[in-house]
């Protein structure tokens, strides 16, 4: 199979149901933002994060791939495809990880500036991209996305914020307050 198809040369792209839409459509914008978020997490993993965090990020990458597949299907949310479906368990997992990671962090008293250790800076970037993905999903609406994916991406940005703080803490980098 060749990687290039030439079918998108005119500015449109295929969806999972066989339909075609503009590459600038809200659905493709949402897919692209989720893909970019996943790439940011891959970049973070390339910096050599601790194994416990690497495992979490790997699981999230798989969920984001599923979310992208779900967004690429204009049928009902997740279209009954259990591989692409996010559920309440996925939300609970993110919340458990946030609670677990926050135990070792100093409570915030001020806003912090994104940055610090390269891995943490990557995660701060991922958090901003996550918020963009969320905005693009909101453009599509809950009817086309589903309530759980909305909540998952919202919770994921919280997780990424905490993760960035953990990465700075483990690296001995002091966060800059605003």
C-alpha atoms as a PDB file:
ATOM      1  CA  UNK A   1       0.000   0.000   0.000  1.00  0.00           C
ATOM      2  CA  UNK A   2       1.347   3.424  -0.922  1.00  0.00           C
ATOM      3  CA  UNK A   3       1.331   6.191   1.671  1.00  0.00           C
ATOM      4  CA  UNK A   4       0.124   8.757  -0.827  1.00  0.00           C
ATOM      5  CA  UNK A   5      -3.289   8.477  -2.431  1.00  0.00           C
ATOM      6  CA  UNK A   6      -3.606  11.850  -4.190  1.00  0.00           C
ATOM      7  CA  UNK A   7      -7.277  11.884  -3.149  1.00  0.00           C
ATOM      8  CA  UNK A   8      -6.736  14.920  -0.920  1.00  0.00           C
ATOM      9  CA  UNK A   9      -4.903  17.029  -3.477  1.00  0.00           C
ATOM     10  CA  UNK A  10      -8.003  19.154  -4.004  1.00  0.00           C
ATOM     11  CA  UNK A  11      -8.350  20.119  -0.334  1.00  0.00           C
ATOM     12  CA  UNK A  12     -10.760  17.468   0.857  1.00  0.00           C
ATOM     13  CA  UNK A  13     -10.250  14.319   2.905  1.00  0.00           C
ATOM     14  CA  UNK A  14     -12.006  11.051   3.611  1.00  0.00           C
ATOM     15  CA  UNK A  15     -13.989  10.170   6.703  1.00  0.00           C
ATOM     16  CA  UNK A  16     -14.439   6.719   8.208  1.00  0.00           C
ATOM     17  CA  UNK A  17     -17.948   6.420   6.784  1.00  0.00           C
ATOM     18  CA  UNK A  18     -16.572   6.909   3.248  1.00  0.00           C
ATOM     19  CA  UNK A  19     -17.746  10.504   2.938  1.00  0.00           C
ATOM     20  CA  UNK A  20     -15.467  13.381   2.006  1.00  0.00           C
ATOM     21  CA  UNK A  21     -15.227  16.831   3.580  1.00  0.00           C
ATOM     22  CA  UNK A  22     -13.048  19.911   3.320  1.00  0.00           C
ATOM     23  CA  UNK A  23      -9.779  19.706   5.205  1.00  0.00           C
ATOM     24  CA  UNK A  24     -10.893  22.967   6.835  1.00  0.00           C
ATOM     25  CA  UNK A  25     -14.151  21.513   8.191  1.00  0.00           C
ATOM     26  CA  UNK A  26     -14.752  21.694  11.959  1.00  0.00           C
ATOM     27  CA  UNK A  27     -14.604  17.883  12.154  1.00  0.00           C
ATOM     28  CA  UNK A  28     -11.169  17.749  10.528  1.00  0.00           C
ATOM     29  CA  UNK A  29      -9.992  20.694  12.654  1.00  0.00           C
ATOM     30  CA  UNK A  30     -10.955  18.664  15.753  1.00  0.00           C
ATOM     31  CA  UNK A  31      -9.217  15.538  14.413  1.00  0.00           C
ATOM     32  CA  UNK A  32      -6.113  17.581  13.623  1.00  0.00           C
ATOM     33  CA  UNK A  33      -5.959  19.148  17.073  1.00  0.00           C
ATOM     34  CA  UNK A  34      -6.244  15.725  18.728  1.00  0.00           C
ATOM     35  CA  UNK A  35      -3.517  14.411  16.410  1.00  0.00           C
ATOM     36  CA  UNK A  36      -1.286  17.370  17.279  1.00  0.00           C
ATOM     37  CA  UNK A  37      -1.876  16.735  20.980  1.00  0.00           C
ATOM     38  CA  UNK A  38      -0.881  13.108  20.520  1.00  0.00           C
ATOM     39  CA  UNK A  39       2.303  14.209  18.736  1.00  0.00           C
ATOM     40  CA  UNK A  40       3.125  16.560  21.624  1.00  0.00           C
ATOM     41  CA  UNK A  41       2.843  13.637  24.021  1.00  0.00           C
ATOM     42  CA  UNK A  42       5.112  11.585  21.759  1.00  0.00           C
ATOM     43  CA  UNK A  43       7.654  14.398  21.897  1.00  0.00           C
ATOM     44  CA  UNK A  44       7.412  14.383  25.684  1.00  0.00           C
ATOM     45  CA  UNK A  45       7.997  10.633  25.774  1.00  0.00           C
ATOM     46  CA  UNK A  46      11.119  11.104  23.653  1.00  0.00           C
ATOM     47  CA  UNK A  47      12.668  13.159  26.470  1.00  0.00           C
ATOM     48  CA  UNK A  48      12.905  10.065  28.673  1.00  0.00           C
ATOM     49  CA  UNK A  49      10.285  10.555  31.382  1.00  0.00           C
ATOM     50  CA  UNK A  50      10.108   8.195  34.360  1.00  0.00           C
ATOM     51  CA  UNK A  51       8.550   4.780  33.644  1.00  0.00           C
ATOM     52  CA  UNK A  52       5.411   5.404  35.716  1.00  0.00           C
ATOM     53  CA  UNK A  53       4.677   8.604  33.785  1.00  0.00           C
ATOM     54  CA  UNK A  54       5.640   7.016  30.481  1.00  0.00           C
ATOM     55  CA  UNK A  55       3.065   4.289  31.069  1.00  0.00           C
ATOM     56  CA  UNK A  56       0.362   6.880  31.750  1.00  0.00           C
ATOM     57  CA  UNK A  57       1.251   8.858  28.628  1.00  0.00           C
ATOM     58  CA  UNK A  58       1.257   5.719  26.499  1.00  0.00           C
ATOM     59  CA  UNK A  59      -2.250   4.876  27.657  1.00  0.00           C
ATOM     60  CA  UNK A  60      -3.394   8.424  26.944  1.00  0.00           C
ATOM     61  CA  UNK A  61      -1.890   8.291  23.454  1.00  0.00           C
ATOM     62  CA  UNK A  62      -3.949   5.200  22.697  1.00  0.00           C
ATOM     63  CA  UNK A  63      -7.094   6.901  23.990  1.00  0.00           C
ATOM     64  CA  UNK A  64      -6.364   9.966  21.862  1.00  0.00           C
ATOM     65  CA  UNK A  65      -5.966   7.776  18.797  1.00  0.00           C
ATOM     66  CA  UNK A  66      -9.371   6.285  19.588  1.00  0.00           C
ATOM     67  CA  UNK A  67     -10.816   9.750  20.061  1.00  0.00           C
ATOM     68  CA  UNK A  68      -9.446  10.819  16.675  1.00  0.00           C
ATOM     69  CA  UNK A  69     -11.050   7.781  15.059  1.00  0.00           C
ATOM     70  CA  UNK A  70     -14.350   8.593  16.728  1.00  0.00           C
ATOM     71  CA  UNK A  71     -14.176  12.200  15.533  1.00  0.00           C
ATOM     72  CA  UNK A  72     -13.432  10.998  11.988  1.00  0.00           C
ATOM     73  CA  UNK A  73     -16.728   9.121  11.941  1.00  0.00           C
ATOM     74  CA  UNK A  74     -19.700  11.429  11.331  1.00  0.00           C
ATOM     75  CA  UNK A  75     -22.159   8.724  12.398  1.00  0.00           C
ATOM     76  CA  UNK A  76     -23.231   8.613  16.027  1.00  0.00           C
ATOM     77  CA  UNK A  77     -20.470   9.256  18.587  1.00  0.00           C
ATOM     78  CA  UNK A  78     -18.001   6.376  18.416  1.00  0.00           C
ATOM     79  CA  UNK A  79     -20.472   4.705  16.011  1.00  0.00           C
ATOM     80  CA  UNK A  80     -20.714   1.677  18.266  1.00  0.00           C
ATOM     81  CA  UNK A  81     -17.023   0.930  17.768  1.00  0.00           C
ATOM     82  CA  UNK A  82     -15.847  -0.175  21.201  1.00  0.00           C
ATOM     83  CA  UNK A  83     -12.192   0.244  20.228  1.00  0.00           C
ATOM     84  CA  UNK A  84     -12.840   3.938  19.579  1.00  0.00           C
ATOM     85  CA  UNK A  85     -15.163   4.529  22.526  1.00  0.00           C
ATOM     86  CA  UNK A  86     -14.167   6.503  25.591  1.00  0.00           C
ATOM     87  CA  UNK A  87     -16.158   5.744  28.731  1.00  0.00           C
ATOM     88  CA  UNK A  88     -16.513   6.779  32.358  1.00  0.00           C
ATOM     89  CA  UNK A  89     -13.674   4.397  33.302  1.00  0.00           C
ATOM     90  CA  UNK A  90     -11.294   6.509  31.231  1.00  0.00           C
ATOM     91  CA  UNK A  91     -12.381   9.639  33.094  1.00  0.00           C
ATOM     92  CA  UNK A  92     -11.916   7.873  36.420  1.00  0.00           C
ATOM     93  CA  UNK A  93      -8.436   6.781  35.403  1.00  0.00           C
ATOM     94  CA  UNK A  94      -7.376  10.376  34.682  1.00  0.00           C
ATOM     95  CA  UNK A  95      -8.835  11.539  37.988  1.00  0.00           C
ATOM     96  CA  UNK A  96      -7.008   8.774  39.899  1.00  0.00           C
ATOM     97  CA  UNK A  97      -3.730   9.744  38.236  1.00  0.00           C
ATOM     98  CA  UNK A  98      -4.269  13.421  39.058  1.00  0.00           C
ATOM     99  CA  UNK A  99      -4.949  12.574  42.706  1.00  0.00           C
ATOM    100  CA  UNK A 100      -1.919  10.262  42.824  1.00  0.00           C
ATOM    101  CA  UNK A 101       0.439  12.814  41.295  1.00  0.00           C
ATOM    102  CA  UNK A 102      -0.790  15.779  43.337  1.00  0.00           C
ATOM    103  CA  UNK A 103       0.148  14.101  46.627  1.00  0.00           C
ATOM    104  CA  UNK A 104       3.812  15.035  46.195  1.00  0.00           C
ATOM    105  CA  UNK A 105       3.224  18.583  44.920  1.00  0.00           C
ATOM    106  CA  UNK A 106       3.266  21.809  46.882  1.00  0.00           C
ATOM    107  CA  UNK A 107      -0.223  23.324  46.787  1.00  0.00           C
ATOM    108  CA  UNK A 108      -0.482  26.256  44.390  1.00  0.00           C
ATOM    109  CA  UNK A 109      -0.887  29.741  45.810  1.00  0.00           C
ATOM    110  CA  UNK A 110      -0.260  31.636  42.561  1.00  0.00           C
ATOM    111  CA  UNK A 111      -0.415  31.007  38.844  1.00  0.00           C
ATOM    112  CA  UNK A 112       2.700  29.443  37.358  1.00  0.00           C
ATOM    113  CA  UNK A 113       4.318  30.180  34.034  1.00  0.00           C
ATOM    114  CA  UNK A 114       4.667  27.317  31.537  1.00  0.00           C
ATOM    115  CA  UNK A 115       8.208  26.036  31.178  1.00  0.00           C
ATOM    116  CA  UNK A 116      10.948  24.549  33.273  1.00  0.00           C
ATOM    117  CA  UNK A 117      12.479  21.191  32.458  1.00  0.00           C
ATOM    118  CA  UNK A 118      12.190  20.343  28.713  1.00  0.00           C
ATOM    119  CA  UNK A 119       9.764  17.488  29.423  1.00  0.00           C
ATOM    120  CA  UNK A 120       7.587  19.783  31.543  1.00  0.00           C
ATOM    121  CA  UNK A 121       7.689  22.506  28.888  1.00  0.00           C
ATOM    122  CA  UNK A 122       6.546  19.931  26.319  1.00  0.00           C
ATOM    123  CA  UNK A 123       3.665  18.943  28.571  1.00  0.00           C
ATOM    124  CA  UNK A 124       2.657  22.576  29.047  1.00  0.00           C
ATOM    125  CA  UNK A 125       2.539  22.859  25.250  1.00  0.00           C
ATOM    126  CA  UNK A 126       0.489  19.658  25.107  1.00  0.00           C
ATOM    127  CA  UNK A 127      -1.912  21.159  27.656  1.00  0.00           C
ATOM    128  CA  UNK A 128      -2.435  24.225  25.458  1.00  0.00           C
ATOM    129  CA  UNK A 129      -3.006  22.011  22.405  1.00  0.00           C
ATOM    130  CA  UNK A 130      -5.425  19.931  24.484  1.00  0.00           C
ATOM    131  CA  UNK A 131      -7.449  23.053  25.226  1.00  0.00           C
ATOM    132  CA  UNK A 132      -7.514  23.830  21.496  1.00  0.00           C
ATOM    133  CA  UNK A 133      -8.732  20.303  20.748  1.00  0.00           C
ATOM    134  CA  UNK A 134     -11.450  20.818  23.316  1.00  0.00           C
ATOM    135  CA  UNK A 135     -12.527  24.077  21.657  1.00  0.00           C
ATOM    136  CA  UNK A 136     -12.629  22.375  18.255  1.00  0.00           C
ATOM    137  CA  UNK A 137     -14.731  19.560  19.693  1.00  0.00           C
ATOM    138  CA  UNK A 138     -17.116  22.093  21.216  1.00  0.00           C
ATOM    139  CA  UNK A 139     -17.561  23.560  17.731  1.00  0.00           C
ATOM    140  CA  UNK A 140     -18.861  20.166  16.600  1.00  0.00           C
ATOM    141  CA  UNK A 141     -21.244  19.935  19.544  1.00  0.00           C
ATOM    142  CA  UNK A 142     -22.065  17.203  22.017  1.00  0.00           C
ATOM    143  CA  UNK A 143     -24.441  15.521  19.560  1.00  0.00           C
ATOM    144  CA  UNK A 144     -21.534  14.840  17.198  1.00  0.00           C
ATOM    145  CA  UNK A 145     -18.855  14.144  19.812  1.00  0.00           C
ATOM    146  CA  UNK A 146     -20.531  12.727  22.905  1.00  0.00           C
ATOM    147  CA  UNK A 147     -20.434  13.883  26.521  1.00  0.00           C
ATOM    148  CA  UNK A 148     -17.653  11.558  27.686  1.00  0.00           C
ATOM    149  CA  UNK A 149     -15.105  12.678  25.060  1.00  0.00           C
ATOM    150  CA  UNK A 150     -15.790  16.303  26.048  1.00  0.00           C
ATOM    151  CA  UNK A 151     -15.198  15.468  29.704  1.00  0.00           C
ATOM    152  CA  UNK A 152     -12.137  13.349  28.856  1.00  0.00           C
ATOM    153  CA  UNK A 153     -10.363  16.149  27.012  1.00  0.00           C
ATOM    154  CA  UNK A 154     -11.278  18.643  29.734  1.00  0.00           C
ATOM    155  CA  UNK A 155      -9.923  16.307  32.425  1.00  0.00           C
ATOM    156  CA  UNK A 156      -6.863  15.549  30.307  1.00  0.00           C
ATOM    157  CA  UNK A 157      -5.840  19.204  30.320  1.00  0.00           C
ATOM    158  CA  UNK A 158      -6.006  19.114  34.140  1.00  0.00           C
ATOM    159  CA  UNK A 159      -3.888  15.960  34.155  1.00  0.00           C
ATOM    160  CA  UNK A 160      -1.322  17.553  31.850  1.00  0.00           C
ATOM    161  CA  UNK A 161      -1.055  20.604  34.103  1.00  0.00           C
ATOM    162  CA  UNK A 162      -0.361  18.382  37.104  1.00  0.00           C
ATOM    163  CA  UNK A 163       2.031  16.232  35.070  1.00  0.00           C
ATOM    164  CA  UNK A 164       4.065  19.278  34.040  1.00  0.00           C
ATOM    165  CA  UNK A 165       4.364  20.257  37.701  1.00  0.00           C
ATOM    166  CA  UNK A 166       5.443  16.716  38.623  1.00  0.00           C
ATOM    167  CA  UNK A 167       8.065  16.662  35.878  1.00  0.00           C
ATOM    168  CA  UNK A 168       9.518  19.951  37.124  1.00  0.00           C
ATOM    169  CA  UNK A 169       9.439  18.747  40.709  1.00  0.00           C
ATOM    170  CA  UNK A 170      11.167  15.450  39.923  1.00  0.00           C
ATOM    171  CA  UNK A 171      13.812  17.328  37.913  1.00  0.00           C
ATOM    172  CA  UNK A 172      14.401  19.754  40.787  1.00  0.00           C
ATOM    173  CA  UNK A 173      13.242  22.730  38.713  1.00  0.00           C
ATOM    174  CA  UNK A 174      11.506  25.562  40.560  1.00  0.00           C
ATOM    175  CA  UNK A 175       8.308  26.745  38.931  1.00  0.00           C
ATOM    176  CA  UNK A 176       8.147  30.396  38.024  1.00  0.00           C
ATOM    177  CA  UNK A 177       5.187  32.160  39.564  1.00  0.00           C
ATOM    178  CA  UNK A 178       3.238  34.920  37.917  1.00  0.00           C
END
